[in-house]
Amino acid sequence: MDSHDHGLAHDLTTLLNTSPNRRQLLRWLSAGGATALSVMACGGGSTTASSTTTSTSTTSGTTSGTSTGTSTGTGTGTSTSCAVIPEETAGPYPGDGSNSSTNGIANALLLSGIVRSDIRASIAGASGVAAGVPLTIKLQVVNTKSSCAVLSGYAVYLWHCNRDGLYSMYSAGVTGENYLRGVQETDSSGNVTFTTIFPGCYDGRIPHVHFEIYPSLAKANSASNKINTSQFTFPMATLNEAYQSTGYSASVTNLAKISYATDNVFSDGTSLQMVSVTGSAALGYVVTLTVGVSV
């Protein structure tokens, strides 16, 4: 009955498994609990390869980041970031077979050609192409249960709205399209890359990108197989710069009415979900993020 005398690692695990405390604890750890973080997230084990992450400021006020790692196979290599990314809602427009649109069950994961890096065009008979500021998304998936080892052979399904704030397969006017959705398999360093456009800001949400993690490409065909669902966002300076571009005028108005603090997803913190950015609206952006999962 008494659970108070099992040590720090046990207490941290218990807190993390208690939903209301989980993200608060992660933010405390990020703020200064380095020793506790090593016990909880990295297991205190030795690493088999090294990775470095650097950040610098750009003239536009965004941050740039570079994450590198090495690997000899699934679950090898390490990353300097080692905390589980918060679990978030997939929202009403996931296209992963878990709900319906006006055309019936919406499952982009079953479409021919959905495994792709460039997600700007529709596929499987649809012909639309999403216009907007070029954006390259680079994610690295790591295992917080195994000394932050990179995870190769996993699958990432990623989706987001177009520059008008509309979601393909669901929103009026684009229900027949399936652009801005795609699946990639993590390489030997746990990395995936997507070529897309900068998402718009629709009323009521801070701009964001959704993604789900699957244990393999073969299992990335239904939401029932996913092991993690989350979202990431962008620095405010990047948002303000991007939305000066043609086609994003509505985003300027919508962004002025929302903040990270009032957003229903990011109001409890963005430290694990804020991408690093290089580039510009004129040349296109490249964003990077390390995604920690517990497997």
Protein backbone atom coordinates (compact mmCIF):
# COMPACT_ATOMS: atom_id res chain seq x y z
CA MET A 1 0.00 0.00 0.00
CA ASP A 2 2.86 2.41 0.79
CA SER A 3 4.43 3.75 -2.46
CA HIS A 4 6.60 6.50 -1.00
CA ASP A 5 9.84 4.64 -0.32
CA HIS A 6 10.86 3.24 -3.70
CA GLY A 7 13.28 5.95 -4.75
CA LEU A 8 13.42 8.83 -7.25
CA ALA A 9 13.14 6.76 -10.42
CA HIS A 10 9.95 5.10 -9.16
CA ASP A 11 8.41 8.42 -8.15
CA LEU A 12 9.19 10.04 -11.50
CA THR A 13 7.73 7.10 -13.38
CA THR A 14 4.60 7.25 -11.26
CA LEU A 15 4.21 10.98 -11.91
CA LEU A 16 4.74 10.60 -15.63
CA ASN A 17 2.10 7.89 -15.76
CA THR A 18 -0.36 10.21 -14.04
CA SER A 19 -1.84 12.29 -16.85
CA PRO A 20 -2.39 15.60 -15.00
CA ASN A 21 1.21 15.69 -13.74
CA ARG A 22 3.04 14.46 -16.79
CA ARG A 23 3.72 17.63 -18.76
CA GLN A 24 4.26 19.75 -15.65
CA LEU A 25 6.96 17.35 -14.57
CA LEU A 26 8.58 17.38 -17.99
CA ARG A 27 8.77 21.16 -17.93
CA TRP A 28 10.35 21.04 -14.44
CA LEU A 29 12.90 18.55 -15.69
CA SER A 30 13.68 20.71 -18.72
CA ALA A 31 14.12 23.73 -16.45
CA GLY A 32 16.77 22.20 -14.24
CA GLY A 33 16.23 18.62 -13.22
CA ALA A 34 19.07 17.23 -15.28
CA THR A 35 19.91 14.42 -12.89
CA ALA A 36 16.31 13.35 -12.60
CA LEU A 37 15.91 13.50 -16.37
CA SER A 38 18.79 11.10 -16.85
CA VAL A 39 17.13 8.63 -14.46
CA MET A 40 13.68 8.95 -16.02
CA ALA A 41 14.26 9.43 -19.72
CA CYS A 42 17.63 7.98 -20.59
CA GLY A 43 17.82 5.10 -18.18
CA GLY A 44 21.31 6.01 -17.04
CA GLY A 45 22.79 3.67 -19.63
CA SER A 46 25.82 4.14 -21.83
CA THR A 47 25.52 5.39 -25.40
CA THR A 48 26.65 3.65 -28.55
CA ALA A 49 27.10 6.69 -30.76
CA SER A 50 27.03 10.44 -30.40
CA SER A 51 24.87 13.28 -31.61
CA THR A 52 25.13 17.04 -31.30
CA THR A 53 22.50 19.75 -31.40
CA THR A 54 23.35 23.40 -31.92
CA SER A 55 21.18 26.51 -32.07
CA THR A 56 21.87 30.03 -33.29
CA SER A 57 19.73 33.09 -33.92
CA THR A 58 18.92 34.35 -37.41
CA THR A 59 18.32 37.92 -38.46
CA SER A 60 14.56 37.28 -38.69
CA GLY A 61 14.40 36.28 -35.04
CA THR A 62 13.98 32.58 -35.65
CA THR A 63 16.27 29.88 -34.35
CA SER A 64 18.27 27.42 -36.35
CA GLY A 65 19.09 23.91 -35.25
CA THR A 66 21.12 21.02 -36.53
CA SER A 67 20.75 17.51 -35.20
CA THR A 68 23.12 14.77 -36.26
CA GLY A 69 23.41 11.17 -35.21
CA THR A 70 24.90 7.85 -36.22
CA SER A 71 23.40 4.39 -36.24
CA THR A 72 24.19 0.77 -36.94
CA GLY A 73 20.56 -0.40 -37.06
CA THR A 74 17.22 -0.20 -35.31
CA GLY A 75 17.53 1.30 -31.84
CA THR A 76 21.20 2.28 -32.09
CA GLY A 77 22.82 5.70 -31.99
CA THR A 78 21.94 8.50 -29.59
CA SER A 79 20.42 11.97 -29.47
CA THR A 80 21.03 14.77 -27.00
CA SER A 81 17.25 15.24 -26.49
CA CYS A 82 15.68 12.48 -24.48
CA ALA A 83 12.18 13.24 -23.22
CA VAL A 84 8.90 11.76 -24.41
CA ILE A 85 7.06 14.19 -26.65
CA PRO A 86 3.63 15.02 -25.19
CA GLU A 87 0.68 13.01 -26.41
CA GLU A 88 -1.79 15.30 -28.17
CA THR A 89 -5.12 15.06 -29.92
CA ALA A 90 -5.15 14.05 -33.57
CA GLY A 91 -7.89 16.62 -34.02
CA PRO A 92 -10.98 16.25 -36.20
CA TYR A 93 -9.09 15.80 -39.50
CA PRO A 94 -6.60 12.94 -39.04
CA GLY A 95 -7.32 10.93 -42.18
CA ASP A 96 -6.01 7.82 -40.45
CA GLY A 97 -9.17 5.69 -40.58
CA SER A 98 -10.39 6.75 -37.16
CA ASN A 99 -13.29 8.94 -38.35
CA SER A 100 -15.34 9.92 -41.38
CA SER A 101 -15.61 12.84 -43.77
CA THR A 102 -18.37 13.60 -46.28
CA ASN A 103 -16.92 10.87 -48.47
CA GLY A 104 -17.08 8.16 -45.76
CA ILE A 105 -14.24 6.73 -43.68
CA ALA A 106 -11.24 8.97 -44.24
CA ASN A 107 -8.04 6.94 -44.41
CA ALA A 108 -5.20 8.47 -46.39
CA LEU A 109 -2.94 5.70 -45.10
CA LEU A 110 -4.51 3.29 -47.59
CA LEU A 111 -3.99 5.52 -50.63
CA SER A 112 -1.60 4.40 -53.34
CA GLY A 113 1.46 6.64 -53.16
CA ILE A 114 0.95 7.85 -49.58
CA VAL A 115 4.51 6.79 -48.68
CA ARG A 116 6.32 9.84 -50.00
CA SER A 117 8.57 12.70 -48.98
CA ASP A 118 6.99 15.49 -51.06
CA ILE A 119 3.41 15.90 -49.82
CA ARG A 120 2.42 19.07 -51.71
CA ALA A 121 0.38 17.30 -54.41
CA SER A 122 -2.66 15.08 -54.13
CA ILE A 123 -2.36 11.44 -55.20
CA ALA A 124 -4.47 8.42 -56.17
CA GLY A 125 -6.46 10.20 -58.90
CA ALA A 126 -6.79 13.59 -57.18
CA SER A 127 -4.89 16.41 -58.87
CA GLY A 128 -4.71 19.41 -56.53
CA VAL A 129 -1.41 20.96 -55.48
CA ALA A 130 -1.05 23.02 -52.30
CA ALA A 131 0.53 26.44 -52.86
CA GLY A 132 2.51 28.34 -50.26
CA VAL A 133 5.91 29.14 -48.78
CA PRO A 134 8.21 26.09 -49.20
CA LEU A 135 8.82 24.15 -45.98
CA THR A 136 11.11 21.19 -45.32
CA ILE A 137 10.36 19.22 -42.14
CA LYS A 138 13.08 17.03 -40.61
CA LEU A 139 12.21 14.82 -37.64
CA GLN A 140 14.44 12.41 -35.73
CA VAL A 141 12.71 9.68 -33.72
CA VAL A 142 14.52 8.44 -30.60
CA ASN A 143 13.79 5.91 -27.88
CA THR A 144 13.69 7.38 -24.37
CA LYS A 145 13.78 3.88 -22.86
CA SER A 146 17.09 2.98 -24.48
CA SER A 147 19.59 5.74 -23.75
CA CYS A 148 17.99 7.96 -26.39
CA ALA A 149 18.80 5.48 -29.16
CA VAL A 150 17.61 6.48 -32.61
CA LEU A 151 14.76 4.37 -33.98
CA SER A 152 15.15 3.16 -37.55
CA GLY A 153 12.40 1.34 -39.43
CA TYR A 154 9.57 3.21 -37.69
CA ALA A 155 6.98 5.17 -39.68
CA VAL A 156 5.83 8.77 -39.34
CA TYR A 157 2.46 9.88 -40.72
CA LEU A 158 2.34 13.68 -40.96
CA TRP A 159 -0.44 16.07 -41.98
CA HIS A 160 -1.41 19.75 -41.71
CA CYS A 161 -3.72 22.39 -43.18
CA ASN A 162 -3.07 24.39 -46.35
CA ARG A 163 -2.30 28.11 -46.39
CA ASP A 164 -6.03 28.86 -46.19
CA GLY A 165 -6.37 26.79 -43.02
CA LEU A 166 -8.23 23.96 -44.78
CA TYR A 167 -7.61 20.23 -44.35
CA SER A 168 -7.71 17.97 -47.40
CA MET A 169 -10.32 15.17 -47.31
CA TYR A 170 -12.47 17.13 -44.82
CA SER A 171 -12.80 20.88 -45.39
CA ALA A 172 -15.34 22.33 -47.81
CA GLY A 173 -13.74 22.84 -51.20
CA VAL A 174 -10.92 20.33 -50.67
CA THR A 175 -12.78 17.15 -49.68
CA GLY A 176 -11.68 15.57 -52.95
CA GLU A 177 -8.01 16.35 -52.32
CA ASN A 178 -5.50 14.48 -50.14
CA TYR A 179 -2.46 16.75 -50.31
CA LEU A 180 -0.37 17.71 -47.25
CA ARG A 181 -0.52 14.14 -45.97
CA GLY A 182 2.25 11.57 -46.21
CA VAL A 183 4.15 8.72 -44.59
CA GLN A 184 7.91 8.24 -44.33
CA GLU A 185 9.99 5.41 -42.82
CA THR A 186 12.80 6.45 -40.47
CA ASP A 187 16.24 5.80 -41.88
CA SER A 188 19.23 4.26 -40.10
CA SER A 189 19.65 7.48 -38.08
CA GLY A 190 15.98 7.70 -37.14
CA ASN A 191 15.34 10.54 -39.56
CA VAL A 192 12.45 11.40 -41.87
CA THR A 193 12.10 14.38 -44.21
CA PHE A 194 8.96 15.92 -45.68
CA THR A 195 8.75 18.59 -48.38
CA THR A 196 5.62 20.67 -47.96
CA ILE A 197 4.29 24.24 -47.62
CA PHE A 198 4.08 26.44 -44.55
CA PRO A 199 0.66 25.86 -42.92
CA GLY A 200 -1.76 28.73 -42.46
CA CYS A 201 -3.30 29.92 -39.21
CA TYR A 202 -7.01 29.26 -38.90
CA ASP A 203 -9.25 30.85 -36.30
CA GLY A 204 -8.77 29.42 -32.81
CA ARG A 205 -5.44 27.57 -33.10
CA ILE A 206 -1.77 28.42 -33.08
CA PRO A 207 -0.27 27.13 -36.37
CA HIS A 208 0.80 23.52 -36.02
CA VAL A 209 1.61 20.24 -37.73
CA HIS A 210 0.16 16.88 -36.68
CA PHE A 211 1.98 13.55 -36.76
CA GLU A 212 1.62 9.94 -35.62
CA ILE A 213 4.37 7.38 -34.98
CA TYR A 214 3.92 3.76 -36.05
CA PRO A 215 6.15 0.79 -35.14
CA SER A 216 6.78 -0.05 -38.80
CA LEU A 217 5.81 0.96 -42.32
CA ALA A 218 3.71 -2.20 -42.65
CA LYS A 219 1.60 -1.15 -39.66
CA ALA A 220 1.13 2.43 -40.82
CA ASN A 221 -2.27 1.66 -42.32
CA SER A 222 -4.67 2.34 -39.45
CA ALA A 223 -4.79 4.56 -36.38
CA SER A 224 -5.27 1.44 -34.26
CA ASN A 225 -1.56 0.65 -34.73
CA LYS A 226 -0.06 4.02 -33.78
CA ILE A 227 2.15 4.34 -30.70
CA ASN A 228 2.21 8.14 -30.40
CA THR A 229 0.22 11.16 -31.59
CA SER A 230 1.54 14.68 -31.22
CA GLN A 231 1.86 18.14 -32.75
CA PHE A 232 4.61 20.71 -33.17
CA THR A 233 4.60 24.45 -33.70
CA PHE A 234 6.81 27.30 -34.90
CA PRO A 235 8.52 30.33 -33.30
CA MET A 236 6.36 33.45 -33.37
CA ALA A 237 8.98 35.38 -35.33
CA THR A 238 8.84 32.75 -38.07
CA LEU A 239 5.04 32.85 -38.15
CA ASN A 240 5.00 36.62 -38.46
CA GLU A 241 7.55 36.56 -41.25
CA ALA A 242 5.92 33.71 -43.20
CA TYR A 243 2.50 35.30 -43.10
CA GLN A 244 3.70 38.40 -44.91
CA SER A 245 3.85 36.20 -48.01
CA THR A 246 1.23 36.09 -50.74
CA GLY A 247 -1.81 34.01 -49.88
CA TYR A 248 -1.50 34.22 -46.08
CA SER A 249 -3.46 37.41 -45.34
CA ALA A 250 -6.15 35.57 -43.36
CA SER A 251 -3.41 34.01 -41.22
CA VAL A 252 -2.23 37.45 -40.12
CA THR A 253 -5.70 38.24 -38.77
CA ASN A 254 -6.17 34.85 -37.11
CA LEU A 255 -2.71 34.79 -35.53
CA ALA A 256 -3.35 38.15 -33.88
CA LYS A 257 -6.21 36.58 -31.92
CA ILE A 258 -4.33 33.59 -30.47
CA SER A 259 -1.14 32.87 -28.49
CA TYR A 260 0.71 29.84 -27.18
CA ALA A 261 -0.74 30.62 -23.74
CA THR A 262 -4.33 30.54 -24.98
CA ASP A 263 -4.00 27.67 -27.44
CA ASN A 264 -5.83 24.51 -26.35
CA VAL A 265 -2.79 22.30 -27.10
CA PHE A 266 0.29 24.41 -26.38
CA SER A 267 -0.97 26.40 -23.37
CA ASP A 268 0.83 24.00 -21.02
CA GLY A 269 4.20 24.41 -22.72
CA THR A 270 6.05 24.14 -26.03
CA SER A 271 9.56 23.16 -24.94
CA LEU A 272 9.39 19.70 -26.51
CA GLN A 273 7.26 20.77 -29.48
CA MET A 274 8.93 23.93 -30.76
CA VAL A 275 10.91 23.37 -33.95
CA SER A 276 14.26 24.92 -34.75
CA VAL A 277 14.21 26.96 -37.95
CA THR A 278 16.57 28.04 -40.72
CA GLY A 279 15.77 29.84 -43.94
CA SER A 280 13.32 32.58 -44.83
CA ALA A 281 9.93 33.16 -46.38
CA ALA A 282 11.61 34.13 -49.65
CA LEU A 283 13.85 31.05 -49.87
CA GLY A 284 11.77 28.57 -47.87
CA TYR A 285 12.18 27.23 -44.36
CA VAL A 286 13.82 24.11 -42.95
CA VAL A 287 12.60 23.01 -39.51
CA THR A 288 13.98 20.27 -37.26
CA LEU A 289 12.72 18.48 -34.17
CA THR A 290 13.77 15.49 -32.10
CA VAL A 291 10.78 13.29 -31.23
CA GLY A 292 11.18 11.14 -28.15
CA VAL A 293 8.98 8.06 -27.81
CA SER A 294 8.99 5.35 -25.16
CA VAL A 295 9.16 1.86 -26.74
